[in-house]
Amino acid sequence: MQKQIIDRERVRRVPPQFSWVDHRLVRGNHLMRASASAWGLYLVLVTVGDENGLSYYAERTLCRLLSVSEPALAAARRELVAARVIAYEAPFYQVLELEAAS
């Protein structure tokens, strides 16, 4: 399957600290933009994404990994899209570079 970057303007880069999980999630108040279950999905996407933040795990697999129903997964995905931390074009997810806190 050929992967396509969804948002070229916001391809994630390795943050200055040591991990892919960016400290700005806390410092920039991003965590307040979505529920804990949505952040669970985000963590999976960060973990399985390639160097551009792209992944295409099947909904069934994501539901199994997160122990959620398909409607719950869809709700979590909508929250993360609304929080502007992921982009989604079925079947692809892209974890986005974090925007400056507003």
PDB file of N, CA and C in Angstrom:
ATOM      1  N   MET A   1       0.852  -1.180   0.000  1.00  0.00           N
ATOM      2  CA  MET A   1       0.000   0.000   0.000  1.00  0.00           C
ATOM      3  C   MET A   1       0.898   1.243   0.000  1.00  0.00           C
ATOM      4  N   GLN A   2       0.647   2.150  -0.884  1.00  0.00           N
ATOM      5  CA  GLN A   2       1.412   3.386  -0.993  1.00  0.00           C
ATOM      6  C   GLN A   2       0.879   4.414  -0.009  1.00  0.00           C
ATOM      7  N   LYS A   3       1.739   4.873   0.906  1.00  0.00           N
ATOM      8  CA  LYS A   3       1.317   5.871   1.891  1.00  0.00           C
ATOM      9  C   LYS A   3       1.496   7.271   1.322  1.00  0.00           C
ATOM     10  N   GLN A   4       0.573   8.144   1.661  1.00  0.00           N
ATOM     11  CA  GLN A   4       0.623   9.540   1.228  1.00  0.00           C
ATOM     12  C   GLN A   4       0.589  10.431   2.458  1.00  0.00           C
ATOM     13  N   ILE A   5       1.488  11.392   2.540  1.00  0.00           N
ATOM     14  CA  ILE A   5       1.446  12.361   3.627  1.00  0.00           C
ATOM     15  C   ILE A   5       0.188  13.197   3.443  1.00  0.00           C
ATOM     16  N   ILE A   6      -0.568  13.355   4.505  1.00  0.00           N
ATOM     17  CA  ILE A   6      -1.834  14.083   4.445  1.00  0.00           C
ATOM     18  C   ILE A   6      -1.606  15.585   4.573  1.00  0.00           C
ATOM     19  N   ASP A   7      -0.769  15.993   5.518  1.00  0.00           N
ATOM     20  CA  ASP A   7      -0.532  17.418   5.765  1.00  0.00           C
ATOM     21  C   ASP A   7       0.971  17.673   5.712  1.00  0.00           C
ATOM     22  N   ARG A   8       1.458  18.082   4.550  1.00  0.00           N
ATOM     23  CA  ARG A   8       2.902  18.307   4.354  1.00  0.00           C
ATOM     24  C   ARG A   8       3.443  19.476   5.180  1.00  0.00           C
ATOM     25  N   GLU A   9       2.577  20.387   5.548  1.00  0.00           N
ATOM     26  CA  GLU A   9       2.988  21.556   6.328  1.00  0.00           C
ATOM     27  C   GLU A   9       3.363  21.183   7.763  1.00  0.00           C
ATOM     28  N   ARG A  10       2.834  20.049   8.232  1.00  0.00           N
ATOM     29  CA  ARG A  10       3.025  19.715   9.640  1.00  0.00           C
ATOM     30  C   ARG A  10       3.530  18.287   9.848  1.00  0.00           C
ATOM     31  N   VAL A  11       4.527  17.877   9.074  1.00  0.00           N
ATOM     32  CA  VAL A  11       5.161  16.581   9.277  1.00  0.00           C
ATOM     33  C   VAL A  11       5.916  16.663  10.595  1.00  0.00           C
ATOM     34  N   ARG A  12       5.701  15.673  11.463  1.00  0.00           N
ATOM     35  CA  ARG A  12       6.342  15.738  12.775  1.00  0.00           C
ATOM     36  C   ARG A  12       7.841  15.533  12.661  1.00  0.00           C
ATOM     37  N   ARG A  13       8.531  16.157  13.580  1.00  0.00           N
ATOM     38  CA  ARG A  13       9.976  16.039  13.672  1.00  0.00           C
ATOM     39  C   ARG A  13      10.322  15.607  15.088  1.00  0.00           C
ATOM     40  N   VAL A  14      11.484  14.988  15.230  1.00  0.00           N
ATOM     41  CA  VAL A  14      11.884  14.568  16.569  1.00  0.00           C
ATOM     42  C   VAL A  14      12.017  15.811  17.441  1.00  0.00           C
ATOM     43  N   PRO A  15      11.291  15.854  18.572  1.00  0.00           N
ATOM     44  CA  PRO A  15      11.398  17.011  19.454  1.00  0.00           C
ATOM     45  C   PRO A  15      12.767  17.040  20.132  1.00  0.00           C
ATOM     46  N   PRO A  16      13.143  18.186  20.719  1.00  0.00           N
ATOM     47  CA  PRO A  16      14.467  18.310  21.330  1.00  0.00           C
ATOM     48  C   PRO A  16      14.747  17.271  22.420  1.00  0.00           C
ATOM     49  N   GLN A  17      13.717  16.835  23.133  1.00  0.00           N
ATOM     50  CA  GLN A  17      13.949  15.813  24.141  1.00  0.00           C
ATOM     51  C   GLN A  17      14.112  14.461  23.476  1.00  0.00           C
ATOM     52  N   PHE A  18      14.161  13.399  24.230  1.00  0.00           N
ATOM     53  CA  PHE A  18      14.572  12.093  23.740  1.00  0.00           C
ATOM     54  C   PHE A  18      13.482  11.237  23.112  1.00  0.00           C
ATOM     55  N   SER A  19      12.239  11.632  23.130  1.00  0.00           N
ATOM     56  CA  SER A  19      11.188  10.719  22.685  1.00  0.00           C
ATOM     57  C   SER A  19      10.264  11.343  21.653  1.00  0.00           C
ATOM     58  N   TRP A  20       9.444  10.480  21.019  1.00  0.00           N
ATOM     59  CA  TRP A  20       8.446  10.953  20.080  1.00  0.00           C
ATOM     60  C   TRP A  20       7.271  11.597  20.788  1.00  0.00           C
ATOM     61  N   VAL A  21       7.050  11.246  22.033  1.00  0.00           N
ATOM     62  CA  VAL A  21       5.947  11.858  22.765  1.00  0.00           C
ATOM     63  C   VAL A  21       6.444  13.219  23.242  1.00  0.00           C
ATOM     64  N   ASP A  22       5.908  14.227  22.639  1.00  0.00           N
ATOM     65  CA  ASP A  22       6.391  15.595  22.808  1.00  0.00           C
ATOM     66  C   ASP A  22       5.918  16.202  24.126  1.00  0.00           C
ATOM     67  N   HIS A  23       6.839  16.749  24.883  1.00  0.00           N
ATOM     68  CA  HIS A  23       6.513  17.378  26.163  1.00  0.00           C
ATOM     69  C   HIS A  23       5.550  18.549  26.006  1.00  0.00           C
ATOM     70  N   ARG A  24       5.464  19.108  24.799  1.00  0.00           N
ATOM     71  CA  ARG A  24       4.548  20.227  24.575  1.00  0.00           C
ATOM     72  C   ARG A  24       3.083  19.807  24.702  1.00  0.00           C
ATOM     73  N   LEU A  25       2.820  18.498  24.663  1.00  0.00           N
ATOM     74  CA  LEU A  25       1.448  18.043  24.919  1.00  0.00           C
ATOM     75  C   LEU A  25       0.972  18.552  26.273  1.00  0.00           C
ATOM     76  N   VAL A  26       1.863  18.546  27.255  1.00  0.00           N
ATOM     77  CA  VAL A  26       1.539  19.039  28.600  1.00  0.00           C
ATOM     78  C   VAL A  26       1.779  20.535  28.683  1.00  0.00           C
ATOM     79  N   ARG A  27       2.962  20.966  28.316  1.00  0.00           N
ATOM     80  CA  ARG A  27       3.336  22.381  28.462  1.00  0.00           C
ATOM     81  C   ARG A  27       2.460  23.314  27.643  1.00  0.00           C
ATOM     82  N   GLY A  28       1.993  22.851  26.495  1.00  0.00           N
ATOM     83  CA  GLY A  28       1.164  23.679  25.622  1.00  0.00           C
ATOM     84  C   GLY A  28      -0.324  23.490  25.844  1.00  0.00           C
ATOM     85  N   ASN A  29      -0.684  22.774  26.892  1.00  0.00           N
ATOM     86  CA  ASN A  29      -2.084  22.542  27.255  1.00  0.00           C
ATOM     87  C   ASN A  29      -2.877  21.785  26.192  1.00  0.00           C
ATOM     88  N   HIS A  30      -2.208  21.009  25.382  1.00  0.00           N
ATOM     89  CA  HIS A  30      -2.896  20.219  24.366  1.00  0.00           C
ATOM     90  C   HIS A  30      -3.763  19.136  24.994  1.00  0.00           C
ATOM     91  N   LEU A  31      -3.333  18.581  26.130  1.00  0.00           N
ATOM     92  CA  LEU A  31      -4.075  17.481  26.743  1.00  0.00           C
ATOM     93  C   LEU A  31      -5.502  17.868  27.116  1.00  0.00           C
ATOM     94  N   MET A  32      -5.727  19.129  27.346  1.00  0.00           N
ATOM     95  CA  MET A  32      -7.065  19.576  27.737  1.00  0.00           C
ATOM     96  C   MET A  32      -8.030  19.612  26.551  1.00  0.00           C
ATOM     97  N   ARG A  33      -7.536  19.374  25.347  1.00  0.00           N
ATOM     98  CA  ARG A  33      -8.366  19.462  24.143  1.00  0.00           C
ATOM     99  C   ARG A  33      -9.103  18.169  23.800  1.00  0.00           C
ATOM    100  N   ALA A  34      -8.803  17.072  24.519  1.00  0.00           N
ATOM    101  CA  ALA A  34      -9.426  15.783  24.190  1.00  0.00           C
ATOM    102  C   ALA A  34      -9.497  14.920  25.444  1.00  0.00           C
ATOM    103  N   SER A  35     -10.270  13.858  25.343  1.00  0.00           N
ATOM    104  CA  SER A  35     -10.476  12.941  26.472  1.00  0.00           C
ATOM    105  C   SER A  35      -9.295  11.986  26.620  1.00  0.00           C
ATOM    106  N   ALA A  36      -9.261  11.321  27.754  1.00  0.00           N
ATOM    107  CA  ALA A  36      -8.219  10.325  28.004  1.00  0.00           C
ATOM    108  C   ALA A  36      -8.269   9.208  26.967  1.00  0.00           C
ATOM    109  N   SER A  37      -9.463   8.792  26.552  1.00  0.00           N
ATOM    110  CA  SER A  37      -9.547   7.720  25.553  1.00  0.00           C
ATOM    111  C   SER A  37      -8.999   8.189  24.204  1.00  0.00           C
ATOM    112  N   ALA A  38      -9.202   9.444  23.866  1.00  0.00           N
ATOM    113  CA  ALA A  38      -8.636   9.981  22.624  1.00  0.00           C
ATOM    114  C   ALA A  38      -7.115   9.992  22.700  1.00  0.00           C
ATOM    115  N   TRP A  39      -6.570  10.337  23.857  1.00  0.00           N
ATOM    116  CA  TRP A  39      -5.111  10.345  24.010  1.00  0.00           C
ATOM    117  C   TRP A  39      -4.546   8.931  23.985  1.00  0.00           C
ATOM    118  N   GLY A  40      -5.347   7.938  24.371  1.00  0.00           N
ATOM    119  CA  GLY A  40      -4.920   6.553  24.213  1.00  0.00           C
ATOM    120  C   GLY A  40      -4.702   6.223  22.749  1.00  0.00           C
ATOM    121  N   LEU A  41      -5.636   6.647  21.907  1.00  0.00           N
ATOM    122  CA  LEU A  41      -5.485   6.456  20.466  1.00  0.00           C
ATOM    123  C   LEU A  41      -4.244   7.194  19.969  1.00  0.00           C
ATOM    124  N   TYR A  42      -4.047   8.406  20.420  1.00  0.00           N
ATOM    125  CA  TYR A  42      -2.881   9.196  20.010  1.00  0.00           C
ATOM    126  C   TYR A  42      -1.584   8.447  20.344  1.00  0.00           C
ATOM    127  N   LEU A  43      -1.511   7.884  21.543  1.00  0.00           N
ATOM    128  CA  LEU A  43      -0.304   7.169  21.955  1.00  0.00           C
ATOM    129  C   LEU A  43      -0.042   5.979  21.027  1.00  0.00           C
ATOM    130  N   VAL A  44      -1.075   5.244  20.680  1.00  0.00           N
ATOM    131  CA  VAL A  44      -0.898   4.127  19.745  1.00  0.00           C
ATOM    132  C   VAL A  44      -0.391   4.648  18.404  1.00  0.00           C
ATOM    133  N   LEU A  45      -0.988   5.725  17.914  1.00  0.00           N
ATOM    134  CA  LEU A  45      -0.589   6.265  16.608  1.00  0.00           C
ATOM    135  C   LEU A  45       0.849   6.776  16.622  1.00  0.00           C
ATOM    136  N   VAL A  46       1.263   7.389  17.713  1.00  0.00           N
ATOM    137  CA  VAL A  46       2.658   7.836  17.839  1.00  0.00           C
ATOM    138  C   VAL A  46       3.587   6.631  17.824  1.00  0.00           C
ATOM    139  N   THR A  47       3.172   5.577  18.495  1.00  0.00           N
ATOM    140  CA  THR A  47       4.005   4.386  18.620  1.00  0.00           C
ATOM    141  C   THR A  47       4.152   3.636  17.305  1.00  0.00           C
ATOM    142  N   VAL A  48       3.084   3.540  16.526  1.00  0.00           N
ATOM    143  CA  VAL A  48       3.123   2.722  15.307  1.00  0.00           C
ATOM    144  C   VAL A  48       3.426   3.518  14.048  1.00  0.00           C
ATOM    145  N   GLY A  49       3.453   4.849  14.137  1.00  0.00           N
ATOM    146  CA  GLY A  49       3.669   5.667  12.948  1.00  0.00           C
ATOM    147  C   GLY A  49       5.089   5.587  12.425  1.00  0.00           C
ATOM    148  N   ASP A  50       5.235   5.865  11.153  1.00  0.00           N
ATOM    149  CA  ASP A  50       6.566   5.890  10.542  1.00  0.00           C
ATOM    150  C   ASP A  50       7.235   7.239  10.826  1.00  0.00           C
ATOM    151  N   GLU A  51       8.340   7.507  10.153  1.00  0.00           N
ATOM    152  CA  GLU A  51       9.100   8.743  10.404  1.00  0.00           C
ATOM    153  C   GLU A  51       8.316  10.005  10.068  1.00  0.00           C
ATOM    154  N   ASN A  52       7.251   9.886   9.290  1.00  0.00           N
ATOM    155  CA  ASN A  52       6.401  11.034   8.966  1.00  0.00           C
ATOM    156  C   ASN A  52       5.124  11.064   9.799  1.00  0.00           C
ATOM    157  N   GLY A  53       5.019  10.138  10.743  1.00  0.00           N
ATOM    158  CA  GLY A  53       3.831  10.081  11.577  1.00  0.00           C
ATOM    159  C   GLY A  53       2.677   9.343  10.935  1.00  0.00           C
ATOM    160  N   LEU A  54       2.924   8.654   9.818  1.00  0.00           N
ATOM    161  CA  LEU A  54       1.866   7.963   9.086  1.00  0.00           C
ATOM    162  C   LEU A  54       1.686   6.524   9.550  1.00  0.00           C
ATOM    163  N   SER A  55       0.438   6.111   9.619  1.00  0.00           N
ATOM    164  CA  SER A  55       0.121   4.717   9.896  1.00  0.00           C
ATOM    165  C   SER A  55      -1.213   4.389   9.262  1.00  0.00           C
ATOM    166  N   TYR A  56      -1.463   3.104   9.113  1.00  0.00           N
ATOM    167  CA  TYR A  56      -2.744   2.684   8.552  1.00  0.00           C
ATOM    168  C   TYR A  56      -3.223   1.399   9.218  1.00  0.00           C
ATOM    169  N   TYR A  57      -3.201   1.387  10.537  1.00  0.00           N
ATOM    170  CA  TYR A  57      -3.742   0.254  11.273  1.00  0.00           C
ATOM    171  C   TYR A  57      -5.245   0.181  11.026  1.00  0.00           C
ATOM    172  N   ALA A  58      -5.754  -1.016  10.871  1.00  0.00           N
ATOM    173  CA  ALA A  58      -7.179  -1.224  10.639  1.00  0.00           C
ATOM    174  C   ALA A  58      -7.971  -0.844  11.882  1.00  0.00           C
ATOM    175  N   GLU A  59      -9.196  -0.378  11.670  1.00  0.00           N
ATOM    176  CA  GLU A  59     -10.057  -0.013  12.800  1.00  0.00           C
ATOM    177  C   GLU A  59     -10.212  -1.175  13.768  1.00  0.00           C
ATOM    178  N   ARG A  60     -10.409  -2.367  13.240  1.00  0.00           N
ATOM    179  CA  ARG A  60     -10.572  -3.544  14.102  1.00  0.00           C
ATOM    180  C   ARG A  60      -9.344  -3.731  14.997  1.00  0.00           C
ATOM    181  N   THR A  61      -8.160  -3.552  14.436  1.00  0.00           N
ATOM    182  CA  THR A  61      -6.924  -3.700  15.213  1.00  0.00           C
ATOM    183  C   THR A  61      -6.831  -2.616  16.279  1.00  0.00           C
ATOM    184  N   LEU A  62      -7.123  -1.375  15.900  1.00  0.00           N
ATOM    185  CA  LEU A  62      -7.077  -0.285  16.881  1.00  0.00           C
ATOM    186  C   LEU A  62      -8.090  -0.515  18.002  1.00  0.00           C
ATOM    187  N   CYS A  63      -9.279  -0.970  17.653  1.00  0.00           N
ATOM    188  CA  CYS A  63     -10.295  -1.267  18.672  1.00  0.00           C
ATOM    189  C   CYS A  63      -9.803  -2.339  19.630  1.00  0.00           C
ATOM    190  N   ARG A  64      -9.173  -3.367  19.079  1.00  0.00           N
ATOM    191  CA  ARG A  64      -8.650  -4.447  19.919  1.00  0.00           C
ATOM    192  C   ARG A  64      -7.533  -3.933  20.827  1.00  0.00           C
ATOM    193  N   LEU A  65      -6.605  -3.169  20.279  1.00  0.00           N
ATOM    194  CA  LEU A  65      -5.487  -2.646  21.069  1.00  0.00           C
ATOM    195  C   LEU A  65      -5.958  -1.736  22.196  1.00  0.00           C
ATOM    196  N   LEU A  66      -7.007  -0.960  21.927  1.00  0.00           N
ATOM    197  CA  LEU A  66      -7.499   0.025  22.901  1.00  0.00           C
ATOM    198  C   LEU A  66      -8.675  -0.476  23.729  1.00  0.00           C
ATOM    199  N   SER A  67      -9.157  -1.675  23.412  1.00  0.00           N
ATOM    200  CA  SER A  67     -10.326  -2.244  24.106  1.00  0.00           C
ATOM    201  C   SER A  67     -11.523  -1.306  24.038  1.00  0.00           C
ATOM    202  N   VAL A  68     -11.811  -0.831  22.815  1.00  0.00           N
ATOM    203  CA  VAL A  68     -12.949   0.065  22.605  1.00  0.00           C
ATOM    204  C   VAL A  68     -13.784  -0.438  21.435  1.00  0.00           C
ATOM    205  N   SER A  69     -15.003   0.046  21.351  1.00  0.00           N
ATOM    206  CA  SER A  69     -15.886  -0.263  20.232  1.00  0.00           C
ATOM    207  C   SER A  69     -15.534   0.624  19.040  1.00  0.00           C
ATOM    208  N   GLU A  70     -16.064   0.266  17.866  1.00  0.00           N
ATOM    209  CA  GLU A  70     -15.828   1.106  16.686  1.00  0.00           C
ATOM    210  C   GLU A  70     -16.407   2.506  16.844  1.00  0.00           C
ATOM    211  N   PRO A  71     -17.611   2.672  17.426  1.00  0.00           N
ATOM    212  CA  PRO A  71     -18.106   4.035  17.653  1.00  0.00           C
ATOM    213  C   PRO A  71     -17.210   4.835  18.611  1.00  0.00           C
ATOM    214  N   ALA A  72     -16.667   4.165  19.621  1.00  0.00           N
ATOM    215  CA  ALA A  72     -15.770   4.853  20.562  1.00  0.00           C
ATOM    216  C   ALA A  72     -14.473   5.260  19.871  1.00  0.00           C
ATOM    217  N   LEU A  73     -13.965   4.395  18.993  1.00  0.00           N
ATOM    218  CA  LEU A  73     -12.764   4.733  18.230  1.00  0.00           C
ATOM    219  C   LEU A  73     -13.037   5.932  17.339  1.00  0.00           C
ATOM    220  N   ALA A  74     -14.172   5.934  16.667  1.00  0.00           N
ATOM    221  CA  ALA A  74     -14.528   7.052  15.784  1.00  0.00           C
ATOM    222  C   ALA A  74     -14.636   8.349  16.578  1.00  0.00           C
ATOM    223  N   ALA A  75     -15.203   8.287  17.772  1.00  0.00           N
ATOM    224  CA  ALA A  75     -15.327   9.482  18.613  1.00  0.00           C
ATOM    225  C   ALA A  75     -13.945   9.982  19.035  1.00  0.00           C
ATOM    226  N   ALA A  76     -13.061   9.078  19.424  1.00  0.00           N
ATOM    227  CA  ALA A  76     -11.698   9.457  19.813  1.00  0.00           C
ATOM    228  C   ALA A  76     -10.968  10.099  18.639  1.00  0.00           C
ATOM    229  N   ARG A  77     -11.129   9.513  17.453  1.00  0.00           N
ATOM    230  CA  ARG A  77     -10.495  10.063  16.245  1.00  0.00           C
ATOM    231  C   ARG A  77     -11.005  11.473  15.966  1.00  0.00           C
ATOM    232  N   ARG A  78     -12.320  11.681  16.073  1.00  0.00           N
ATOM    233  CA  ARG A  78     -12.891  13.024  15.848  1.00  0.00           C
ATOM    234  C   ARG A  78     -12.315  14.035  16.836  1.00  0.00           C
ATOM    235  N   GLU A  79     -12.157  13.633  18.088  1.00  0.00           N
ATOM    236  CA  GLU A  79     -11.587  14.539  19.092  1.00  0.00           C
ATOM    237  C   GLU A  79     -10.166  14.945  18.721  1.00  0.00           C
ATOM    238  N   LEU A  80      -9.366  13.980  18.283  1.00  0.00           N
ATOM    239  CA  LEU A  80      -7.975  14.288  17.942  1.00  0.00           C
ATOM    240  C   LEU A  80      -7.866  15.132  16.688  1.00  0.00           C
ATOM    241  N   VAL A  81      -8.748  14.905  15.730  1.00  0.00           N
ATOM    242  CA  VAL A  81      -8.779  15.748  14.524  1.00  0.00           C
ATOM    243  C   VAL A  81      -9.189  17.166  14.931  1.00  0.00           C
ATOM    244  N   ALA A  82     -10.219  17.284  15.771  1.00  0.00           N
ATOM    245  CA  ALA A  82     -10.675  18.602  16.225  1.00  0.00           C
ATOM    246  C   ALA A  82      -9.593  19.320  17.033  1.00  0.00           C
ATOM    247  N   ALA A  83      -8.791  18.551  17.774  1.00  0.00           N
ATOM    248  CA  ALA A  83      -7.689  19.131  18.551  1.00  0.00           C
ATOM    249  C   ALA A  83      -6.492  19.467  17.665  1.00  0.00           C
ATOM    250  N   ARG A  84      -6.560  19.093  16.396  1.00  0.00           N
ATOM    251  CA  ARG A  84      -5.532  19.379  15.395  1.00  0.00           C
ATOM    252  C   ARG A  84      -4.188  18.733  15.716  1.00  0.00           C
ATOM    253  N   VAL A  85      -4.261  17.500  16.279  1.00  0.00           N
ATOM    254  CA  VAL A  85      -3.030  16.762  16.552  1.00  0.00           C
ATOM    255  C   VAL A  85      -2.861  15.563  15.623  1.00  0.00           C
ATOM    256  N   ILE A  86      -3.934  15.185  14.917  1.00  0.00           N
ATOM    257  CA  ILE A  86      -3.826  14.168  13.873  1.00  0.00           C
ATOM    258  C   ILE A  86      -4.630  14.621  12.659  1.00  0.00           C
ATOM    259  N   ALA A  87      -4.277  14.037  11.530  1.00  0.00           N
ATOM    260  CA  ALA A  87      -5.089  14.151  10.313  1.00  0.00           C
ATOM    261  C   ALA A  87      -5.525  12.735   9.984  1.00  0.00           C
ATOM    262  N   TYR A  88      -6.691  12.618   9.347  1.00  0.00           N
ATOM    263  CA  TYR A  88      -7.201  11.300   9.008  1.00  0.00           C
ATOM    264  C   TYR A  88      -7.874  11.343   7.650  1.00  0.00           C
ATOM    265  N   GLU A  89      -7.425  10.478   6.786  1.00  0.00           N
ATOM    266  CA  GLU A  89      -8.066  10.211   5.500  1.00  0.00           C
ATOM    267  C   GLU A  89      -8.028   8.703   5.347  1.00  0.00           C
ATOM    268  N   ALA A  90      -9.170   8.062   5.568  1.00  0.00           N
ATOM    269  CA  ALA A  90      -9.245   6.602   5.596  1.00  0.00           C
ATOM    270  C   ALA A  90      -8.468   5.996   4.443  1.00  0.00           C
ATOM    271  N   PRO A  91      -7.619   5.028   4.713  1.00  0.00           N
ATOM    272  CA  PRO A  91      -7.352   4.395   5.996  1.00  0.00           C
ATOM    273  C   PRO A  91      -6.159   4.984   6.732  1.00  0.00           C
ATOM    274  N   PHE A  92      -5.669   6.151   6.294  1.00  0.00           N
ATOM    275  CA  PHE A  92      -4.423   6.692   6.834  1.00  0.00           C
ATOM    276  C   PHE A  92      -4.631   7.673   7.976  1.00  0.00           C
ATOM    277  N   TYR A  93      -3.745   7.543   8.961  1.00  0.00           N
ATOM    278  CA  TYR A  93      -3.634   8.500  10.053  1.00  0.00           C
ATOM    279  C   TYR A  93      -2.295   9.194   9.913  1.00  0.00           C
ATOM    280  N   GLN A  94      -2.233  10.470  10.277  1.00  0.00           N
ATOM    281  CA  GLN A  94      -0.958  11.179  10.357  1.00  0.00           C
ATOM    282  C   GLN A  94      -0.930  11.928  11.673  1.00  0.00           C
ATOM    283  N   VAL A  95       0.075  11.608  12.504  1.00  0.00           N
ATOM    284  CA  VAL A  95       0.305  12.386  13.719  1.00  0.00           C
ATOM    285  C   VAL A  95       0.983  13.669  13.269  1.00  0.00           C
ATOM    286  N   LEU A  96       0.418  14.805  13.663  1.00  0.00           N
ATOM    287  CA  LEU A  96       0.895  16.102  13.190  1.00  0.00           C
ATOM    288  C   LEU A  96       1.874  16.744  14.154  1.00  0.00           C
ATOM    289  N   GLU A  97       2.709  17.595  13.603  1.00  0.00           N
ATOM    290  CA  GLU A  97       3.566  18.466  14.416  1.00  0.00           C
ATOM    291  C   GLU A  97       2.622  19.298  15.278  1.00  0.00           C
ATOM    292  N   LEU A  98       2.965  19.473  16.542  1.00  0.00           N
ATOM    293  CA  LEU A  98       2.103  20.250  17.434  1.00  0.00           C
ATOM    294  C   LEU A  98       2.177  21.731  17.101  1.00  0.00           C
ATOM    295  N   GLU A  99       1.018  22.354  17.104  1.00  0.00           N
ATOM    296  CA  GLU A  99       0.950  23.799  16.904  1.00  0.00           C
ATOM    297  C   GLU A  99       1.284  24.496  18.210  1.00  0.00           C
ATOM    298  N   ALA A 100       1.688  25.742  18.111  1.00  0.00           N
ATOM    299  CA  ALA A 100       1.944  26.527  19.315  1.00  0.00           C
ATOM    300  C   ALA A 100       0.642  26.656  20.090  1.00  0.00           C
ATOM    301  N   ALA A 101       0.742  26.634  21.401  1.00  0.00           N
ATOM    302  CA  ALA A 101      -0.463  26.769  22.242  1.00  0.00           C
ATOM    303  C   ALA A 101      -1.132  28.088  21.966  1.00  0.00           C
ATOM    304  N   SER A 102      -2.466  28.052  21.970  1.00  0.00           N
ATOM    305  CA  SER A 102      -3.212  29.287  21.704  1.00  0.00           C
ATOM    306  C   SER A 102      -3.813  29.831  22.969  1.00  0.00           C
TER     307      SER A 102
END
